[in-house]
Protein backbone atom coordinates (compact mmCIF):
# COMPACT_ATOMS: atom_id res chain seq x y z
CA MET A 1 14.87 -0.78 9.74
CA SER A 2 17.38 1.30 7.50
CA THR A 3 18.95 0.83 4.27
CA ILE A 4 20.79 3.14 1.18
CA LYS A 5 18.76 3.58 -2.60
CA LEU A 6 20.86 3.96 -5.65
CA PHE A 7 20.17 7.09 -8.09
CA GLU A 8 22.66 6.82 -11.04
CA SER A 9 25.41 5.25 -8.18
CA LYS A 10 24.64 7.82 -5.88
CA LYS A 11 23.35 7.65 -2.21
CA ILE A 12 19.91 8.45 -0.79
CA ARG A 13 19.73 7.36 2.52
CA SER A 14 16.30 5.54 3.68
CA VAL A 15 14.52 4.21 7.39
CA TRP A 16 11.72 2.21 7.32
CA ASN A 17 9.17 3.13 9.69
CA ALA A 18 7.18 0.07 10.47
CA GLU A 19 4.59 1.44 12.68
CA LYS A 20 3.58 3.99 9.53
CA GLU A 21 4.83 0.62 6.97
CA LYS A 22 6.36 3.57 4.65
CA TRP A 23 9.95 4.65 4.10
CA TYR A 24 11.49 7.72 5.06
CA PHE A 25 14.07 9.14 2.41
CA SER A 26 17.40 11.71 2.84
CA ILE A 27 15.59 15.03 1.65
CA VAL A 28 19.27 16.59 1.70
CA ASP A 29 21.05 13.55 -0.83
CA VAL A 30 17.72 13.76 -2.60
CA VAL A 31 18.96 17.49 -3.74
CA GLU A 32 21.99 16.64 -3.95
CA ILE A 33 21.26 14.42 -6.31
CA LEU A 34 19.15 16.14 -8.56
CA THR A 35 20.83 19.50 -8.18
CA ASP A 36 24.68 18.92 -8.36
CA SER A 37 24.60 21.60 -5.81
CA PRO A 38 28.35 21.84 -3.96
CA ASN A 39 26.74 22.81 -1.00
CA PRO A 40 22.61 20.09 -0.80
CA ARG A 41 22.03 22.01 3.09
CA LYS A 42 22.01 25.01 1.61
CA TYR A 43 20.02 24.70 -1.02
CA TRP A 44 17.84 22.86 1.32
CA SER A 45 17.63 25.54 3.38
CA VAL A 46 17.04 28.13 1.08
CA LEU A 47 13.85 25.79 -0.78
CA LYS A 48 12.58 25.36 2.41
CA THR A 49 12.80 28.79 3.28
CA ARG A 50 10.49 29.78 -0.17
CA LEU A 51 8.12 26.70 0.50
CA LYS A 52 6.94 28.00 3.93
CA LYS A 53 6.35 31.70 2.17
CA GLU A 54 4.13 29.50 -0.19
CA ASN A 55 2.54 27.65 2.43
CA SER A 56 3.56 24.27 1.33
CA GLN A 57 2.44 21.73 3.38
CA LEU A 58 5.77 19.78 2.52
CA THR A 59 7.53 22.04 5.11
CA THR A 60 5.05 21.22 7.94
CA ASN A 61 4.86 17.61 7.57
CA CYS A 62 8.56 16.83 6.66
CA SER A 63 9.56 13.83 9.28
CA GLN A 64 13.61 14.61 11.05
CA LEU A 65 14.89 11.02 11.25
CA LYS A 66 17.68 9.55 12.38
CA MET A 67 19.87 8.70 9.62
CA GLN A 68 24.21 7.57 9.16
CA ALA A 69 26.04 10.21 7.75
CA ALA A 70 29.84 10.22 6.13
CA ASP A 71 31.30 10.18 9.40
CA GLY A 72 29.99 6.96 10.87
CA LYS A 73 27.41 8.40 13.03
CA PHE A 74 23.70 9.23 13.58
CA TYR A 75 22.03 12.85 13.07
CA MET A 76 18.21 13.67 12.92
CA THR A 77 17.64 15.16 9.43
CA ASP A 78 14.65 15.90 7.12
CA ALA A 79 12.86 13.32 5.61
CA ALA A 80 10.31 12.70 3.30
CA ASP A 81 8.14 9.74 2.47
CA THR A 82 7.33 8.85 -0.96
CA GLU A 83 4.42 11.64 -1.32
CA GLN A 84 6.40 13.68 -0.24
CA LEU A 85 9.52 13.30 -2.15
CA LEU A 86 7.01 13.49 -5.12
CA ARG A 87 6.04 16.97 -4.20
CA LEU A 88 9.66 18.33 -3.19
CA ILE A 89 10.80 17.09 -6.94
CA GLN A 90 8.40 19.05 -8.67
CA SER A 91 9.73 21.97 -6.35
CA ILE A 92 13.20 21.82 -7.73
CA PRO A 93 14.08 23.29 -11.15
CA SER A 94 16.51 20.97 -11.92
CA PRO A 95 17.21 19.09 -16.00
CA LYS A 96 17.79 15.96 -14.02
CA ALA A 97 13.98 16.44 -12.32
CA GLU A 98 12.04 16.90 -15.15
CA PRO A 99 11.39 13.14 -16.34
CA PHE A 100 10.21 13.24 -12.50
CA LYS A 101 7.72 15.85 -13.20
CA LEU A 102 6.77 14.82 -16.67
CA TRP A 103 6.19 11.02 -15.30
CA LEU A 104 3.10 12.91 -12.45
CA ALA A 105 2.23 15.01 -14.92
CA ARG A 106 0.98 11.48 -17.07
CA VAL A 107 -0.16 9.71 -13.54
CA GLY A 108 -2.89 13.06 -12.70
CA TYR A 109 -4.35 13.18 -16.54
CA GLU A 110 -4.57 9.28 -16.58
CA ARG A 111 -6.38 9.35 -12.65
CA LEU A 112 -8.17 12.62 -14.61
CA GLU A 113 -9.48 10.13 -17.09
CA GLU A 114 -10.41 7.13 -14.99
CA ILE A 115 -12.62 9.76 -13.04
CA GLU A 116 -14.21 10.18 -15.37
CA ASN A 117 -14.15 6.84 -16.65
CA PRO A 118 -13.64 4.29 -14.09
CA GLU A 119 -13.78 1.33 -16.37
CA LEU A 120 -9.55 2.55 -17.17
CA SER A 121 -8.59 2.48 -13.97
CA MET A 122 -9.91 -1.66 -13.79
CA GLU A 123 -8.05 -2.17 -17.42
CA ARG A 124 -4.73 0.05 -16.46
CA MET A 125 -4.78 -2.63 -13.29
CA GLN A 126 -5.36 -5.32 -15.38
CA ALA A 127 -2.38 -4.89 -17.54
CA LEU A 128 -0.32 -3.95 -14.59
CA TYR A 129 -0.79 -7.36 -13.59
CA GLU A 130 -0.07 -8.59 -16.47
CA LYS A 131 2.93 -6.86 -16.92
CA LYS A 132 4.59 -8.84 -13.64
CA GLY A 133 3.69 -12.15 -14.59
CA TYR A 134 0.18 -12.69 -12.82
CA PRO A 135 -1.55 -15.96 -14.25
CA LYS A 136 -4.68 -14.99 -16.25
CA GLU A 137 -6.70 -17.15 -13.35
CA TRP A 138 -5.48 -15.40 -10.94
CA ILE A 139 -5.80 -11.78 -12.40
CA ASP A 140 -9.35 -12.15 -13.22
CA LYS A 141 -9.92 -13.81 -9.44
CA ARG A 142 -8.08 -10.59 -7.94
CA MET A 143 -10.16 -7.62 -9.84
CA ARG A 144 -12.75 -9.46 -9.01
CA GLY A 145 -11.95 -9.24 -5.11
CA ILE A 146 -10.95 -5.50 -5.93
CA ALA A 147 -14.24 -5.31 -7.52
CA VAL A 148 -15.73 -6.86 -4.35
CA ARG A 149 -13.69 -4.55 -1.75
CA GLN A 150 -14.56 -1.17 -3.26
CA ASP A 151 -18.44 -2.45 -3.06
CA LEU A 152 -17.81 -2.90 0.73
CA THR A 153 -16.14 0.39 1.51
CA ASP A 154 -18.66 2.57 -0.32
CA GLU A 155 -21.52 0.55 1.94
CA TRP A 156 -18.84 1.48 5.20
CA LYS A 157 -18.31 5.36 4.26
CA SER A 158 -22.22 6.04 4.01
CA ARG A 159 -22.84 3.99 6.97
CA GLY A 160 -20.67 5.78 9.73
CA ALA A 161 -16.65 4.56 8.98
CA SER A 162 -14.49 7.19 7.55
CA THR A 163 -11.64 6.75 9.00
CA SER A 164 -8.40 4.36 7.47
CA LEU A 165 -7.71 3.30 11.23
CA GLU A 166 -11.58 2.18 11.62
CA TYR A 167 -11.52 0.28 7.85
CA ALA A 168 -8.61 -1.34 8.49
CA ILE A 169 -10.20 -2.29 12.21
CA LEU A 170 -13.24 -3.78 10.02
CA THR A 171 -10.66 -5.31 7.55
CA ASN A 172 -9.23 -7.47 10.66
CA GLU A 173 -12.61 -8.50 11.93
CA ILE A 174 -12.94 -10.09 8.86
CA MET A 175 -9.85 -11.83 7.72
CA GLN A 176 -9.27 -13.06 11.57
CA GLY A 177 -13.21 -14.33 11.12
CA ALA A 178 -11.97 -16.01 7.82
CA PHE A 179 -8.57 -17.36 8.29
CA ASP A 180 -7.88 -16.70 12.02
CA LEU A 181 -5.36 -14.69 11.18
CA LYS A 182 -5.15 -10.66 11.32
CA VAL A 183 -3.72 -8.61 8.34
CA ASP A 184 -0.16 -8.32 9.81
CA ASP A 185 -0.02 -11.87 11.41
CA TYR A 186 -1.28 -13.33 7.72
CA LYS A 187 1.57 -11.08 6.21
CA GLN A 188 4.05 -12.90 8.44
CA VAL A 189 3.61 -16.16 7.59
CA LYS A 190 3.86 -14.87 4.09
CA GLY A 191 7.03 -12.91 4.43
CA LEU A 192 5.47 -10.08 3.96
CA ASP A 193 6.83 -6.81 4.69
CA ARG A 194 4.54 -3.79 3.34
CA GLU A 195 3.53 -5.34 -0.60
CA ASN A 196 -0.31 -5.41 -0.20
CA LEU A 197 -1.38 -8.94 1.05
CA ARG A 198 -3.76 -10.09 -1.64
CA ASP A 199 -1.18 -9.02 -4.02
CA HIS A 200 0.51 -12.62 -2.65
CA MET A 201 -2.95 -14.79 -2.08
CA THR A 202 -3.64 -18.22 -3.34
CA ASP A 203 -6.07 -18.78 -5.42
CA ILE A 204 -8.52 -19.87 -2.89
CA GLU A 205 -7.41 -17.68 -0.45
CA LEU A 206 -8.89 -14.48 -2.32
CA ILE A 207 -12.01 -16.49 -3.33
CA LEU A 208 -12.77 -16.99 0.44
CA THR A 209 -11.30 -13.37 1.30
CA MET A 210 -14.24 -12.05 -1.41
CA LEU A 211 -17.12 -13.98 0.18
CA GLY A 212 -16.11 -12.94 3.68
CA GLU A 213 -16.88 -9.04 1.84
CA ALA A 214 -19.46 -10.06 -0.14
CA THR A 215 -21.10 -11.82 2.91
CA THR A 216 -20.59 -8.68 4.82
CA THR A 217 -21.97 -5.70 2.35
CA LYS A 218 -25.34 -8.10 2.79
CA LEU A 219 -25.50 -8.30 5.79
CA HIS A 220 -24.51 -4.27 6.00
CA ARG A 221 -27.50 -4.06 3.35
CA ASP A 222 -30.17 -6.53 5.32
CA ARG A 223 -29.73 -5.41 8.54
CA ASP A 224 -29.41 -1.70 7.00
CA THR A 225 -26.61 -1.08 9.52
CA LYS A 226 -25.43 2.20 10.80
CA GLY A 227 -22.69 3.20 13.08
CA PHE A 228 -19.12 1.89 13.89
CA GLU A 229 -19.81 -1.08 16.40
CA PRO A 230 -22.54 -2.08 14.60
CA LEU A 231 -20.60 -2.32 11.25
CA LYS A 232 -18.13 -4.33 13.47
CA LYS A 233 -20.74 -6.82 14.49
CA ASP A 234 -21.15 -7.14 10.54
CA ALA A 235 -18.46 -7.43 9.68
CA LYS A 236 -17.36 -10.49 11.87
CA ASP A 237 -21.01 -12.58 11.31
CA GLY A 238 -18.97 -11.73 7.85
CA GLY A 239 -15.79 -13.47 8.29
CA ALA A 240 -17.08 -16.24 10.14
CA VAL A 241 -18.80 -17.32 7.38
CA ALA A 242 -15.55 -17.58 5.33
CA GLY A 243 -14.31 -19.01 8.46
CA ARG A 244 -16.46 -21.63 8.15
CA THR A 245 -16.30 -22.41 4.62
CA ARG A 246 -12.45 -22.07 5.32
CA LYS A 247 -12.58 -25.45 7.04
CA ASP A 248 -14.81 -27.65 5.42
CA ILE A 249 -11.57 -26.93 2.57
CA GLU A 250 -9.54 -28.01 4.92
CA LYS A 251 -11.65 -31.26 6.45
CA GLN A 252 -12.06 -32.25 2.76
CA ALA A 253 -8.36 -31.78 1.46
CA GLY A 254 -6.69 -32.76 4.85
CA LYS A 255 -4.37 -29.38 4.60
CA PRO A 256 -4.76 -25.95 5.85
CA VAL A 257 -5.38 -23.45 2.78
CA VAL A 258 -3.47 -20.19 4.85
CA SER A 259 -0.12 -20.75 2.37
CA ARG A 260 3.05 -19.61 3.05
CA GLU A 261 3.35 -18.98 -0.97
CA ASN A 262 3.86 -15.67 -2.32
CA PHE A 263 4.04 -14.04 -5.49
CA LYS A 264 7.28 -11.94 -4.22
CA GLU A 265 9.71 -13.54 -7.11
CA LEU A 266 7.44 -13.08 -10.35
CA ALA A 267 9.20 -14.41 -13.95
CA GLY A 268 6.42 -16.62 -14.15
CA VAL A 269 7.21 -19.55 -11.37
CA ARG A 270 5.83 -18.76 -8.18
CA LYS A 271 8.21 -18.68 -5.10
CA LYS A 272 9.17 -21.68 -3.09
CA PRO A 273 6.92 -21.44 0.35
CA VAL A 274 8.90 -20.76 3.26
CA LYS A 275 9.62 -23.70 5.48
C-alpha cells in the first residue's frame, strides 16, 4: 500500500510495509522540504557520505523501495521508517528541522524522567488517552491492562523469552485461547491496520484480555516455568481460562463478546460497528 503525505503543502512519498507494519518515507522528499535545496538528491548523497564516515547506522539500515516519480514511473528510492526519519532530521542543519529537534529533545527528557519515576509514564499515558477522548471508565481498564501486560512481559523476559517474535507468539496463544482469534485476525474484525488492537477493544474485551494475561502470569509463577515451549503451554492454558469465561458470558448474553466496534473516529462518539 502506498500513499502521499503532505508537509506544508509539499508531498512526501510513502509506502506501507504490511509485513513489518511500518510506513517508509522517501528520504529525498524529506530532504527537499527541510533544506529547500535545488538538488535534494545531491544534498542527500553528500549527507549520506558524511554519515557513513561517522559510522551512522542510518545509512546502513535505510531501505530502497519502489516509489512513483513525477514521470509516473516507479524507481528504487532511499526510504526510512519513522525512527530513522527522526534520526535523519537531527542530522540536517536547517531552521525547518529545528521544531522537530526541540520536540525530540523534549521526548528524550521526558523519557529520562520516566526511567527515574515510572509513575510519570502512566500519568502521561492516561493524560494522552483523555486528550484523545476515551471515556474515563475505559481508560481505567486500559491502564490496569497495561500494568498486567507489563507484569507478564517481565516474567517472559526472566523465564527465557527474549525476542519480539517470541512475545508475539505467546500473545497469540493467549488471544487464540481467549477469543478464538490471533491478533492480526482480531484486527481485521475491527477494521484496523497498524493501530494497537487494545486501544480499540470494548470494556469486556479488555477485561477478558487481562484475565488471560494475569492467569498466564500466575501459571508461570506457580509452575516456575522456564523456556519458550513451556511458556507457550502456560499461555495457551491462561488464554483458555479467559476463553471459558467468554463463552459463559456469550451464553448468558446471547451474543458474541468480540465486537466490530472501534475507536478510530474519536470525538466523544464511538465509531459505528462495521456491518
